[in-house]
Amino acid sequence: MDDSKYFFHFGGEVLNKWLKAWSIFIFTIGGLLVVLLIGLI
């Protein structure tokens, strides 16, 4: 019982870190694309 709780808690923390990393990555790429589009137009 305790092991599964710990496992899910650990998994949640790792997932949180991955989501933050991906959101920053996507935000950066999106920002660069917007700048490129504005530059082209």
PDB file of N, CA and C in Angstrom:
ATOM      1  N   MET A   1       0.841  -1.203   0.000  1.00  0.00           N
ATOM      2  CA  MET A   1       0.000   0.000   0.000  1.00  0.00           C
ATOM      3  C   MET A   1       0.881   1.260   0.000  1.00  0.00           C
ATOM      4  N   ASP A   2       1.801   1.322   0.947  1.00  0.00           N
ATOM      5  CA  ASP A   2       2.681   2.489   1.034  1.00  0.00           C
ATOM      6  C   ASP A   2       3.581   2.599  -0.199  1.00  0.00           C
ATOM      7  N   ASP A   3       4.028   1.439  -0.691  1.00  0.00           N
ATOM      8  CA  ASP A   3       4.916   1.436  -1.854  1.00  0.00           C
ATOM      9  C   ASP A   3       4.227   2.058  -3.068  1.00  0.00           C
ATOM     10  N   SER A   4       2.972   1.680  -3.303  1.00  0.00           N
ATOM     11  CA  SER A   4       2.255   2.207  -4.462  1.00  0.00           C
ATOM     12  C   SER A   4       2.045   3.718  -4.313  1.00  0.00           C
ATOM     13  N   LYS A   5       1.754   4.167  -3.090  1.00  0.00           N
ATOM     14  CA  LYS A   5       1.574   5.607  -2.852  1.00  0.00           C
ATOM     15  C   LYS A   5       2.866   6.342  -3.193  1.00  0.00           C
ATOM     16  N   TYR A   6       3.987   5.800  -2.710  1.00  0.00           N
ATOM     17  CA  TYR A   6       5.289   6.421  -2.950  1.00  0.00           C
ATOM     18  C   TYR A   6       5.589   6.453  -4.447  1.00  0.00           C
ATOM     19  N   PHE A   7       5.291   5.321  -5.108  1.00  0.00           N
ATOM     20  CA  PHE A   7       5.550   5.214  -6.547  1.00  0.00           C
ATOM     21  C   PHE A   7       4.753   6.266  -7.320  1.00  0.00           C
ATOM     22  N   PHE A   8       3.467   6.390  -6.992  1.00  0.00           N
ATOM     23  CA  PHE A   8       2.627   7.352  -7.711  1.00  0.00           C
ATOM     24  C   PHE A   8       3.068   8.783  -7.416  1.00  0.00           C
ATOM     25  N   HIS A   9       3.478   9.041  -6.174  1.00  0.00           N
ATOM     26  CA  HIS A   9       3.953  10.374  -5.804  1.00  0.00           C
ATOM     27  C   HIS A   9       5.212  10.703  -6.605  1.00  0.00           C
ATOM     28  N   PHE A  10       6.132   9.735  -6.671  1.00  0.00           N
ATOM     29  CA  PHE A  10       7.380   9.915  -7.417  1.00  0.00           C
ATOM     30  C   PHE A  10       7.080  10.135  -8.896  1.00  0.00           C
ATOM     31  N   GLY A  11       6.176   9.308  -9.445  1.00  0.00           N
ATOM     32  CA  GLY A  11       5.803   9.436 -10.850  1.00  0.00           C
ATOM     33  C   GLY A  11       5.203  10.807 -11.131  1.00  0.00           C
ATOM     34  N   GLY A  12       4.382  11.302 -10.211  1.00  0.00           N
ATOM     35  CA  GLY A  12       3.767  12.612 -10.380  1.00  0.00           C
ATOM     36  C   GLY A  12       4.813  13.709 -10.422  1.00  0.00           C
ATOM     37  N   GLU A  13       5.830  13.601  -9.558  1.00  0.00           N
ATOM     38  CA  GLU A  13       6.885  14.618  -9.526  1.00  0.00           C
ATOM     39  C   GLU A  13       7.658  14.619 -10.836  1.00  0.00           C
ATOM     40  N   VAL A  14       7.997  13.426 -11.314  1.00  0.00           N
ATOM     41  CA  VAL A  14       8.743  13.316 -12.574  1.00  0.00           C
ATOM     42  C   VAL A  14       7.909  13.876 -13.719  1.00  0.00           C
ATOM     43  N   LEU A  15       6.617  13.545 -13.739  1.00  0.00           N
ATOM     44  CA  LEU A  15       5.720  14.021 -14.790  1.00  0.00           C
ATOM     45  C   LEU A  15       5.646  15.543 -14.754  1.00  0.00           C
ATOM     46  N   ASN A  16       5.582  16.109 -13.544  1.00  0.00           N
ATOM     47  CA  ASN A  16       5.535  17.561 -13.389  1.00  0.00           C
ATOM     48  C   ASN A  16       6.763  18.206 -14.011  1.00  0.00           C
ATOM     49  N   LYS A  17       7.952  17.639 -13.713  1.00  0.00           N
ATOM     50  CA  LYS A  17       9.198  18.187 -14.255  1.00  0.00           C
ATOM     51  C   LYS A  17       9.189  18.116 -15.776  1.00  0.00           C
ATOM     52  N   TRP A  18       8.722  16.976 -16.318  1.00  0.00           N
ATOM     53  CA  TRP A  18       8.678  16.810 -17.773  1.00  0.00           C
ATOM     54  C   TRP A  18       7.729  17.818 -18.404  1.00  0.00           C
ATOM     55  N   LEU A  19       6.558  18.026 -17.764  1.00  0.00           N
ATOM     56  CA  LEU A  19       5.574  18.965 -18.312  1.00  0.00           C
ATOM     57  C   LEU A  19       6.140  20.381 -18.322  1.00  0.00           C
ATOM     58  N   LYS A  20       6.843  20.750 -17.232  1.00  0.00           N
ATOM     59  CA  LYS A  20       7.449  22.084 -17.170  1.00  0.00           C
ATOM     60  C   LYS A  20       8.487  22.236 -18.268  1.00  0.00           C
ATOM     61  N   ALA A  21       9.336  21.215 -18.424  1.00  0.00           N
ATOM     62  CA  ALA A  21      10.396  21.263 -19.439  1.00  0.00           C
ATOM     63  C   ALA A  21       9.787  21.402 -20.833  1.00  0.00           C
ATOM     64  N   TRP A  22       8.737  20.608 -21.107  1.00  0.00           N
ATOM     65  CA  TRP A  22       8.093  20.645 -22.421  1.00  0.00           C
ATOM     66  C   TRP A  22       7.409  21.988 -22.668  1.00  0.00           C
ATOM     67  N   SER A  23       6.752  22.545 -21.644  1.00  0.00           N
ATOM     68  CA  SER A  23       6.059  23.825 -21.826  1.00  0.00           C
ATOM     69  C   SER A  23       7.068  24.925 -22.144  1.00  0.00           C
ATOM     70  N   ILE A  24       8.233  24.898 -21.464  1.00  0.00           N
ATOM     71  CA  ILE A  24       9.278  25.892 -21.730  1.00  0.00           C
ATOM     72  C   ILE A  24       9.797  25.708 -23.156  1.00  0.00           C
ATOM     73  N   PHE A  25      10.028  24.442 -23.542  1.00  0.00           N
ATOM     74  CA  PHE A  25      10.539  24.121 -24.880  1.00  0.00           C
ATOM     75  C   PHE A  25       9.570  24.601 -25.954  1.00  0.00           C
ATOM     76  N   ILE A  26       8.287  24.268 -25.800  1.00  0.00           N
ATOM     77  CA  ILE A  26       7.262  24.646 -26.778  1.00  0.00           C
ATOM     78  C   ILE A  26       7.112  26.168 -26.823  1.00  0.00           C
ATOM     79  N   PHE A  27       7.152  26.814 -25.646  1.00  0.00           N
ATOM     80  CA  PHE A  27       7.025  28.266 -25.574  1.00  0.00           C
ATOM     81  C   PHE A  27       8.172  28.930 -26.334  1.00  0.00           C
ATOM     82  N   THR A  28       9.395  28.403 -26.143  1.00  0.00           N
ATOM     83  CA  THR A  28      10.574  28.956 -26.821  1.00  0.00           C
ATOM     84  C   THR A  28      10.462  28.795 -28.330  1.00  0.00           C
ATOM     85  N   ILE A  29      10.116  27.575 -28.781  1.00  0.00           N
ATOM     86  CA  ILE A  29       9.977  27.316 -30.214  1.00  0.00           C
ATOM     87  C   ILE A  29       8.865  28.184 -30.806  1.00  0.00           C
ATOM     88  N   GLY A  30       7.743  28.268 -30.100  1.00  0.00           N
ATOM     89  CA  GLY A  30       6.621  29.076 -30.571  1.00  0.00           C
ATOM     90  C   GLY A  30       7.022  30.538 -30.695  1.00  0.00           C
ATOM     91  N   GLY A  31       7.752  31.042 -29.704  1.00  0.00           N
ATOM     92  CA  GLY A  31       8.203  32.433 -29.733  1.00  0.00           C
ATOM     93  C   GLY A  31       9.102  32.693 -30.934  1.00  0.00           C
ATOM     94  N   LEU A  32      10.027  31.760 -31.192  1.00  0.00           N
ATOM     95  CA  LEU A  32      10.940  31.915 -32.332  1.00  0.00           C
ATOM     96  C   LEU A  32      10.165  31.915 -33.646  1.00  0.00           C
ATOM     97  N   LEU A  33       9.170  31.021 -33.758  1.00  0.00           N
ATOM     98  CA  LEU A  33       8.364  30.953 -34.983  1.00  0.00           C
ATOM     99  C   LEU A  33       7.598  32.253 -35.197  1.00  0.00           C
ATOM    100  N   VAL A  34       7.029  32.800 -34.128  1.00  0.00           N
ATOM    101  CA  VAL A  34       6.276  34.056 -34.236  1.00  0.00           C
ATOM    102  C   VAL A  34       7.203  35.175 -34.703  1.00  0.00           C
ATOM    103  N   VAL A  35       8.404  35.239 -34.123  1.00  0.00           N
ATOM    104  CA  VAL A  35       9.375  36.272 -34.513  1.00  0.00           C
ATOM    105  C   VAL A  35       9.745  36.116 -35.988  1.00  0.00           C
ATOM    106  N   LEU A  36       9.951  34.872 -36.419  1.00  0.00           N
ATOM    107  CA  LEU A  36      10.295  34.619 -37.826  1.00  0.00           C
ATOM    108  C   LEU A  36       9.153  35.045 -38.745  1.00  0.00           C
ATOM    109  N   LEU A  37       7.914  34.701 -38.361  1.00  0.00           N
ATOM    110  CA  LEU A  37       6.751  35.059 -39.180  1.00  0.00           C
ATOM    111  C   LEU A  37       6.612  36.575 -39.286  1.00  0.00           C
ATOM    112  N   ILE A  38       6.759  37.273 -38.164  1.00  0.00           N
ATOM    113  CA  ILE A  38       6.653  38.738 -38.169  1.00  0.00           C
ATOM    114  C   ILE A  38       7.769  39.322 -39.033  1.00  0.00           C
ATOM    115  N   GLY A  39       8.959  38.721 -38.937  1.00  0.00           N
ATOM    116  CA  GLY A  39      10.094  39.194 -39.730  1.00  0.00           C
ATOM    117  C   GLY A  39       9.848  39.003 -41.219  1.00  0.00           C
ATOM    118  N   LEU A  40       9.221  37.886 -41.586  1.00  0.00           N
ATOM    119  CA  LEU A  40       8.951  37.608 -43.003  1.00  0.00           C
ATOM    120  C   LEU A  40       7.860  38.512 -43.540  1.00  0.00           C
ATOM    121  N   ILE A  41       6.854  38.809 -42.701  1.00  0.00           N
ATOM    122  CA  ILE A  41       5.739  39.659 -43.124  1.00  0.00           C
ATOM    123  C   ILE A  41       6.174  41.119 -42.972  1.00  0.00           C
TER     124      ILE A  41
END
